[in-house]
Amino acid sequence: MIMAKSTSKLLIATVLGLAAGIGIGILIAPAKGSKTRQRLRKKVIQVAESLEEGFFEKFKENSETDIREDQSNETKT
């Protein structure tokens, strides 16, 4: 339960940091607007894929831990 709260806080902070970085990057970008948008689109896709992989890996780890704990509790009773 506590891990889920800290994980969600980390995810929110990551998304907000990403949004802030994108905003600043657009404001100070030296390239043409269409080129900047193309580069930005690629970067957002990369970050989204990375977050997705990390999320599913964390979900898998938590699920496996829960299953082991459930099995351990069943054998004790």
PDB file of N, CA and C in Angstrom:
ATOM      1  N   MET A   1       0.818  -1.183   0.000  1.00  0.00           N
ATOM      2  CA  MET A   1       0.000   0.000   0.000  1.00  0.00           C
ATOM      3  C   MET A   1       0.868   1.255   0.000  1.00  0.00           C
ATOM      4  N   ILE A   2       1.862   1.304   0.883  1.00  0.00           N
ATOM      5  CA  ILE A   2       2.751   2.454   0.955  1.00  0.00           C
ATOM      6  C   ILE A   2       3.556   2.568  -0.327  1.00  0.00           C
ATOM      7  N   MET A   3       4.011   1.440  -0.866  1.00  0.00           N
ATOM      8  CA  MET A   3       4.789   1.467  -2.092  1.00  0.00           C
ATOM      9  C   MET A   3       3.958   2.015  -3.248  1.00  0.00           C
ATOM     10  N   ALA A   4       2.681   1.693  -3.284  1.00  0.00           N
ATOM     11  CA  ALA A   4       1.806   2.176  -4.346  1.00  0.00           C
ATOM     12  C   ALA A   4       1.683   3.692  -4.281  1.00  0.00           C
ATOM     13  N   LYS A   5       1.588   4.249  -3.079  1.00  0.00           N
ATOM     14  CA  LYS A   5       1.484   5.703  -2.935  1.00  0.00           C
ATOM     15  C   LYS A   5       2.768   6.382  -3.397  1.00  0.00           C
ATOM     16  N   SER A   6       3.911   5.849  -3.002  1.00  0.00           N
ATOM     17  CA  SER A   6       5.172   6.464  -3.400  1.00  0.00           C
ATOM     18  C   SER A   6       5.410   6.297  -4.892  1.00  0.00           C
ATOM     19  N   THR A   7       4.973   5.187  -5.457  1.00  0.00           N
ATOM     20  CA  THR A   7       5.113   4.969  -6.893  1.00  0.00           C
ATOM     21  C   THR A   7       4.242   5.946  -7.658  1.00  0.00           C
ATOM     22  N   SER A   8       3.025   6.173  -7.197  1.00  0.00           N
ATOM     23  CA  SER A   8       2.142   7.109  -7.889  1.00  0.00           C
ATOM     24  C   SER A   8       2.666   8.537  -7.760  1.00  0.00           C
ATOM     25  N   LYS A   9       3.230   8.895  -6.606  1.00  0.00           N
ATOM     26  CA  LYS A   9       3.828  10.222  -6.446  1.00  0.00           C
ATOM     27  C   LYS A   9       5.016  10.397  -7.383  1.00  0.00           C
ATOM     28  N   LEU A  10       5.814   9.363  -7.524  1.00  0.00           N
ATOM     29  CA  LEU A  10       6.957   9.412  -8.425  1.00  0.00           C
ATOM     30  C   LEU A  10       6.498   9.566  -9.869  1.00  0.00           C
ATOM     31  N   LEU A  11       5.467   8.857 -10.237  1.00  0.00           N
ATOM     32  CA  LEU A  11       4.942   8.945 -11.594  1.00  0.00           C
ATOM     33  C   LEU A  11       4.397  10.339 -11.872  1.00  0.00           C
ATOM     34  N   ILE A  12       3.667  10.906 -10.924  1.00  0.00           N
ATOM     35  CA  ILE A  12       3.131  12.258 -11.091  1.00  0.00           C
ATOM     36  C   ILE A  12       4.265  13.272 -11.207  1.00  0.00           C
ATOM     37  N   ALA A  13       5.268  13.152 -10.357  1.00  0.00           N
ATOM     38  CA  ALA A  13       6.406  14.068 -10.413  1.00  0.00           C
ATOM     39  C   ALA A  13       7.146  13.949 -11.737  1.00  0.00           C
ATOM     40  N   THR A  14       7.281  12.725 -12.240  1.00  0.00           N
ATOM     41  CA  THR A  14       7.943  12.506 -13.515  1.00  0.00           C
ATOM     42  C   THR A  14       7.179  13.161 -14.658  1.00  0.00           C
ATOM     43  N   VAL A  15       5.874  12.974 -14.672  1.00  0.00           N
ATOM     44  CA  VAL A  15       5.049  13.556 -15.730  1.00  0.00           C
ATOM     45  C   VAL A  15       5.099  15.084 -15.667  1.00  0.00           C
ATOM     46  N   LEU A  16       4.997  15.651 -14.460  1.00  0.00           N
ATOM     47  CA  LEU A  16       5.063  17.105 -14.322  1.00  0.00           C
ATOM     48  C   LEU A  16       6.437  17.644 -14.736  1.00  0.00           C
ATOM     49  N   GLY A  17       7.474  16.944 -14.365  1.00  0.00           N
ATOM     50  CA  GLY A  17       8.817  17.347 -14.775  1.00  0.00           C
ATOM     51  C   GLY A  17       8.993  17.277 -16.271  1.00  0.00           C
ATOM     52  N   LEU A  18       8.451  16.235 -16.864  1.00  0.00           N
ATOM     53  CA  LEU A  18       8.503  16.086 -18.317  1.00  0.00           C
ATOM     54  C   LEU A  18       7.764  17.227 -19.002  1.00  0.00           C
ATOM     55  N   ALA A  19       6.581  17.564 -18.506  1.00  0.00           N
ATOM     56  CA  ALA A  19       5.795  18.646 -19.090  1.00  0.00           C
ATOM     57  C   ALA A  19       6.530  19.983 -18.976  1.00  0.00           C
ATOM     58  N   ALA A  20       7.127  20.228 -17.824  1.00  0.00           N
ATOM     59  CA  ALA A  20       7.879  21.472 -17.631  1.00  0.00           C
ATOM     60  C   ALA A  20       9.074  21.527 -18.575  1.00  0.00           C
ATOM     61  N   GLY A  21       9.781  20.426 -18.701  1.00  0.00           N
ATOM     62  CA  GLY A  21      10.929  20.376 -19.605  1.00  0.00           C
ATOM     63  C   GLY A  21      10.533  20.598 -21.055  1.00  0.00           C
ATOM     64  N   ILE A  22       9.432  20.012 -21.448  1.00  0.00           N
ATOM     65  CA  ILE A  22       8.946  20.195 -22.816  1.00  0.00           C
ATOM     66  C   ILE A  22       8.590  21.658 -23.056  1.00  0.00           C
ATOM     67  N   GLY A  23       7.892  22.253 -22.097  1.00  0.00           N
ATOM     68  CA  GLY A  23       7.506  23.657 -22.239  1.00  0.00           C
ATOM     69  C   GLY A  23       8.703  24.575 -22.362  1.00  0.00           C
ATOM     70  N   ILE A  24       9.673  24.382 -21.516  1.00  0.00           N
ATOM     71  CA  ILE A  24      10.888  25.199 -21.569  1.00  0.00           C
ATOM     72  C   ILE A  24      11.636  24.949 -22.870  1.00  0.00           C
ATOM     73  N   GLY A  25      11.707  23.694 -23.271  1.00  0.00           N
ATOM     74  CA  GLY A  25      12.395  23.355 -24.518  1.00  0.00           C
ATOM     75  C   GLY A  25      11.769  24.022 -25.719  1.00  0.00           C
ATOM     76  N   ILE A  26      10.456  24.082 -25.753  1.00  0.00           N
ATOM     77  CA  ILE A  26       9.764  24.729 -26.875  1.00  0.00           C
ATOM     78  C   ILE A  26      10.050  26.229 -26.881  1.00  0.00           C
ATOM     79  N   LEU A  27      10.057  26.822 -25.699  1.00  0.00           N
ATOM     80  CA  LEU A  27      10.281  28.268 -25.620  1.00  0.00           C
ATOM     81  C   LEU A  27      11.679  28.679 -26.059  1.00  0.00           C
ATOM     82  N   ILE A  28      12.669  27.862 -25.806  1.00  0.00           N
ATOM     83  CA  ILE A  28      14.045  28.254 -26.123  1.00  0.00           C
ATOM     84  C   ILE A  28      14.614  27.498 -27.320  1.00  0.00           C
ATOM     85  N   ALA A  29      13.786  26.769 -28.024  1.00  0.00           N
ATOM     86  CA  ALA A  29      14.249  25.959 -29.153  1.00  0.00           C
ATOM     87  C   ALA A  29      14.788  26.839 -30.282  1.00  0.00           C
ATOM     88  N   PRO A  30      15.998  26.530 -30.755  1.00  0.00           N
ATOM     89  CA  PRO A  30      16.575  27.323 -31.837  1.00  0.00           C
ATOM     90  C   PRO A  30      16.122  26.867 -33.234  1.00  0.00           C
ATOM     91  N   ALA A  31      15.484  25.721 -33.313  1.00  0.00           N
ATOM     92  CA  ALA A  31      15.120  25.156 -34.620  1.00  0.00           C
ATOM     93  C   ALA A  31      13.768  25.696 -35.077  1.00  0.00           C
ATOM     94  N   LYS A  32      13.477  25.468 -36.334  1.00  0.00           N
ATOM     95  CA  LYS A  32      12.199  25.834 -36.932  1.00  0.00           C
ATOM     96  C   LYS A  32      11.067  25.098 -36.198  1.00  0.00           C
ATOM     97  N   GLY A  33       9.895  25.693 -36.126  1.00  0.00           N
ATOM     98  CA  GLY A  33       8.768  25.133 -35.388  1.00  0.00           C
ATOM     99  C   GLY A  33       8.401  23.721 -35.809  1.00  0.00           C
ATOM    100  N   SER A  34       8.328  23.459 -37.120  1.00  0.00           N
ATOM    101  CA  SER A  34       7.948  22.116 -37.586  1.00  0.00           C
ATOM    102  C   SER A  34       9.003  21.087 -37.209  1.00  0.00           C
ATOM    103  N   LYS A  35      10.269  21.473 -37.269  1.00  0.00           N
ATOM    104  CA  LYS A  35      11.354  20.563 -36.892  1.00  0.00           C
ATOM    105  C   LYS A  35      11.318  20.292 -35.385  1.00  0.00           C
ATOM    106  N   THR A  36      11.069  21.334 -34.613  1.00  0.00           N
ATOM    107  CA  THR A  36      10.986  21.185 -33.158  1.00  0.00           C
ATOM    108  C   THR A  36       9.841  20.258 -32.779  1.00  0.00           C
ATOM    109  N   ARG A  37       8.674  20.442 -33.407  1.00  0.00           N
ATOM    110  CA  ARG A  37       7.520  19.587 -33.112  1.00  0.00           C
ATOM    111  C   ARG A  37       7.805  18.130 -33.472  1.00  0.00           C
ATOM    112  N   GLN A  38       8.509  17.913 -34.575  1.00  0.00           N
ATOM    113  CA  GLN A  38       8.857  16.545 -34.983  1.00  0.00           C
ATOM    114  C   GLN A  38       9.785  15.905 -33.951  1.00  0.00           C
ATOM    115  N   ARG A  39      10.809  16.637 -33.526  1.00  0.00           N
ATOM    116  CA  ARG A  39      11.740  16.117 -32.526  1.00  0.00           C
ATOM    117  C   ARG A  39      11.022  15.888 -31.195  1.00  0.00           C
ATOM    118  N   LEU A  40      10.129  16.819 -30.848  1.00  0.00           N
ATOM    119  CA  LEU A  40       9.368  16.707 -29.614  1.00  0.00           C
ATOM    120  C   LEU A  40       8.465  15.477 -29.634  1.00  0.00           C
ATOM    121  N   ARG A  41       7.809  15.244 -30.739  1.00  0.00           N
ATOM    122  CA  ARG A  41       6.920  14.082 -30.877  1.00  0.00           C
ATOM    123  C   ARG A  41       7.701  12.789 -30.657  1.00  0.00           C
ATOM    124  N   LYS A  42       8.873  12.700 -31.274  1.00  0.00           N
ATOM    125  CA  LYS A  42       9.697  11.495 -31.114  1.00  0.00           C
ATOM    126  C   LYS A  42      10.106  11.306 -29.650  1.00  0.00           C
ATOM    127  N   LYS A  43      10.495  12.399 -29.006  1.00  0.00           N
ATOM    128  CA  LYS A  43      10.947  12.308 -27.620  1.00  0.00           C
ATOM    129  C   LYS A  43       9.802  11.911 -26.687  1.00  0.00           C
ATOM    130  N   VAL A  44       8.627  12.482 -26.912  1.00  0.00           N
ATOM    131  CA  VAL A  44       7.470  12.142 -26.074  1.00  0.00           C
ATOM    132  C   VAL A  44       7.128  10.666 -26.223  1.00  0.00           C
ATOM    133  N   ILE A  45       7.193  10.159 -27.438  1.00  0.00           N
ATOM    134  CA  ILE A  45       6.911   8.740 -27.671  1.00  0.00           C
ATOM    135  C   ILE A  45       7.936   7.873 -26.935  1.00  0.00           C
ATOM    136  N   GLN A  46       9.209   8.261 -27.002  1.00  0.00           N
ATOM    137  CA  GLN A  46      10.248   7.503 -26.317  1.00  0.00           C
ATOM    138  C   GLN A  46      10.014   7.491 -24.806  1.00  0.00           C
ATOM    139  N   VAL A  47       9.695   8.645 -24.252  1.00  0.00           N
ATOM    140  CA  VAL A  47       9.470   8.736 -22.805  1.00  0.00           C
ATOM    141  C   VAL A  47       8.240   7.925 -22.409  1.00  0.00           C
ATOM    142  N   ALA A  48       7.172   8.019 -23.204  1.00  0.00           N
ATOM    143  CA  ALA A  48       5.952   7.264 -22.905  1.00  0.00           C
ATOM    144  C   ALA A  48       6.221   5.764 -22.918  1.00  0.00           C
ATOM    145  N   GLU A  49       6.987   5.305 -23.896  1.00  0.00           N
ATOM    146  CA  GLU A  49       7.317   3.881 -23.964  1.00  0.00           C
ATOM    147  C   GLU A  49       8.158   3.468 -22.766  1.00  0.00           C
ATOM    148  N   SER A  50       9.090   4.316 -22.381  1.00  0.00           N
ATOM    149  CA  SER A  50       9.934   4.024 -21.228  1.00  0.00           C
ATOM    150  C   SER A  50       9.104   3.955 -19.949  1.00  0.00           C
ATOM    151  N   LEU A  51       8.190   4.912 -19.768  1.00  0.00           N
ATOM    152  CA  LEU A  51       7.324   4.897 -18.588  1.00  0.00           C
ATOM    153  C   LEU A  51       6.428   3.669 -18.586  1.00  0.00           C
ATOM    154  N   GLU A  52       5.925   3.316 -19.756  1.00  0.00           N
ATOM    155  CA  GLU A  52       5.050   2.153 -19.862  1.00  0.00           C
ATOM    156  C   GLU A  52       5.797   0.881 -19.471  1.00  0.00           C
ATOM    157  N   GLU A  53       7.026   0.742 -19.972  1.00  0.00           N
ATOM    158  CA  GLU A  53       7.826  -0.431 -19.631  1.00  0.00           C
ATOM    159  C   GLU A  53       8.098  -0.475 -18.130  1.00  0.00           C
ATOM    160  N   GLY A  54       8.455   0.673 -17.558  1.00  0.00           N
ATOM    161  CA  GLY A  54       8.731   0.740 -16.126  1.00  0.00           C
ATOM    162  C   GLY A  54       7.501   0.445 -15.295  1.00  0.00           C
ATOM    163  N   PHE A  55       6.341   0.956 -15.727  1.00  0.00           N
ATOM    164  CA  PHE A  55       5.090   0.728 -15.007  1.00  0.00           C
ATOM    165  C   PHE A  55       4.743  -0.749 -15.011  1.00  0.00           C
ATOM    166  N   PHE A  56       4.808  -1.382 -16.175  1.00  0.00           N
ATOM    167  CA  PHE A  56       4.438  -2.784 -16.250  1.00  0.00           C
ATOM    168  C   PHE A  56       5.434  -3.660 -15.503  1.00  0.00           C
ATOM    169  N   GLU A  57       6.702  -3.274 -15.496  1.00  0.00           N
ATOM    170  CA  GLU A  57       7.702  -4.029 -14.742  1.00  0.00           C
ATOM    171  C   GLU A  57       7.403  -3.932 -13.243  1.00  0.00           C
ATOM    172  N   LYS A  58       7.077  -2.725 -12.756  1.00  0.00           N
ATOM    173  CA  LYS A  58       6.731  -2.547 -11.352  1.00  0.00           C
ATOM    174  C   LYS A  58       5.469  -3.322 -11.005  1.00  0.00           C
ATOM    175  N   PHE A  59       4.463  -3.266 -11.879  1.00  0.00           N
ATOM    176  CA  PHE A  59       3.205  -3.979 -11.662  1.00  0.00           C
ATOM    177  C   PHE A  59       3.471  -5.478 -11.570  1.00  0.00           C
ATOM    178  N   LYS A  60       4.329  -5.982 -12.453  1.00  0.00           N
ATOM    179  CA  LYS A  60       4.657  -7.410 -12.467  1.00  0.00           C
ATOM    180  C   LYS A  60       5.353  -7.803 -11.165  1.00  0.00           C
ATOM    181  N   GLU A  61       6.320  -6.975 -10.723  1.00  0.00           N
ATOM    182  CA  GLU A  61       7.037  -7.258  -9.478  1.00  0.00           C
ATOM    183  C   GLU A  61       6.072  -7.284  -8.294  1.00  0.00           C
ATOM    184  N   ASN A  62       5.187  -6.291  -8.225  1.00  0.00           N
ATOM    185  CA  ASN A  62       4.228  -6.222  -7.115  1.00  0.00           C
ATOM    186  C   ASN A  62       3.277  -7.406  -7.142  1.00  0.00           C
ATOM    187  N   SER A  63       2.838  -7.807  -8.322  1.00  0.00           N
ATOM    188  CA  SER A  63       1.918  -8.947  -8.439  1.00  0.00           C
ATOM    189  C   SER A  63       2.592 -10.230  -7.986  1.00  0.00           C
ATOM    190  N   GLU A  64       3.843 -10.422  -8.398  1.00  0.00           N
ATOM    191  CA  GLU A  64       4.575 -11.628  -8.009  1.00  0.00           C
ATOM    192  C   GLU A  64       4.785 -11.659  -6.497  1.00  0.00           C
ATOM    193  N   THR A  65       5.075 -10.512  -5.893  1.00  0.00           N
ATOM    194  CA  THR A  65       5.260 -10.435  -4.448  1.00  0.00           C
ATOM    195  C   THR A  65       3.963 -10.764  -3.735  1.00  0.00           C
ATOM    196  N   ASP A  66       2.848 -10.218  -4.223  1.00  0.00           N
ATOM    197  CA  ASP A  66       1.538 -10.498  -3.613  1.00  0.00           C
ATOM    198  C   ASP A  66       1.200 -11.980  -3.696  1.00  0.00           C
ATOM    199  N   ILE A  67       1.491 -12.607  -4.820  1.00  0.00           N
ATOM    200  CA  ILE A  67       1.203 -14.041  -4.991  1.00  0.00           C
ATOM    201  C   ILE A  67       2.036 -14.859  -4.010  1.00  0.00           C
ATOM    202  N   ARG A  68       3.331 -14.523  -3.886  1.00  0.00           N
ATOM    203  CA  ARG A  68       4.193 -15.256  -2.951  1.00  0.00           C
ATOM    204  C   ARG A  68       3.693 -15.090  -1.518  1.00  0.00           C
ATOM    205  N   GLU A  69       3.271 -13.880  -1.160  1.00  0.00           N
ATOM    206  CA  GLU A  69       2.779 -13.635   0.192  1.00  0.00           C
ATOM    207  C   GLU A  69       1.479 -14.421   0.435  1.00  0.00           C
ATOM    208  N   ASP A  70       0.600 -14.447  -0.544  1.00  0.00           N
ATOM    209  CA  ASP A  70      -0.651 -15.194  -0.417  1.00  0.00           C
ATOM    210  C   ASP A  70      -0.380 -16.685  -0.236  1.00  0.00           C
ATOM    211  N   GLN A  71       0.564 -17.203  -1.036  1.00  0.00           N
ATOM    212  CA  GLN A  71       0.893 -18.622  -0.939  1.00  0.00           C
ATOM    213  C   GLN A  71       1.520 -18.926   0.418  1.00  0.00           C
ATOM    214  N   SER A  72       2.347 -18.026   0.903  1.00  0.00           N
ATOM    215  CA  SER A  72       2.983 -18.215   2.208  1.00  0.00           C
ATOM    216  C   SER A  72       1.930 -18.209   3.319  1.00  0.00           C
ATOM    217  N   ASN A  73       0.973 -17.305   3.207  1.00  0.00           N
ATOM    218  CA  ASN A  73      -0.076 -17.230   4.220  1.00  0.00           C
ATOM    219  C   ASN A  73      -0.973 -18.462   4.192  1.00  0.00           C
ATOM    220  N   GLU A  74      -1.207 -19.018   3.026  1.00  0.00           N
ATOM    221  CA  GLU A  74      -2.049 -20.216   2.900  1.00  0.00           C
ATOM    222  C   GLU A  74      -1.372 -21.421   3.543  1.00  0.00           C
ATOM    223  N   THR A  75      -0.066 -21.540   3.409  1.00  0.00           N
ATOM    224  CA  THR A  75       0.636 -22.681   3.969  1.00  0.00           C
ATOM    225  C   THR A  75       0.746 -22.582   5.490  1.00  0.00           C
ATOM    226  N   LYS A  76       0.698 -21.365   6.027  1.00  0.00           N
ATOM    227  CA  LYS A  76       0.775 -21.171   7.470  1.00  0.00           C
ATOM    228  C   LYS A  76      -0.516 -21.524   8.168  1.00  0.00           C
ATOM    229  N   THR A  77      -1.646 -21.398   7.470  1.00  0.00           N
ATOM    230  CA  THR A  77      -2.945 -21.663   8.121  1.00  0.00           C
ATOM    231  C   THR A  77      -3.394 -23.064   7.982  1.00  0.00           C
TER     232      THR A  77
END
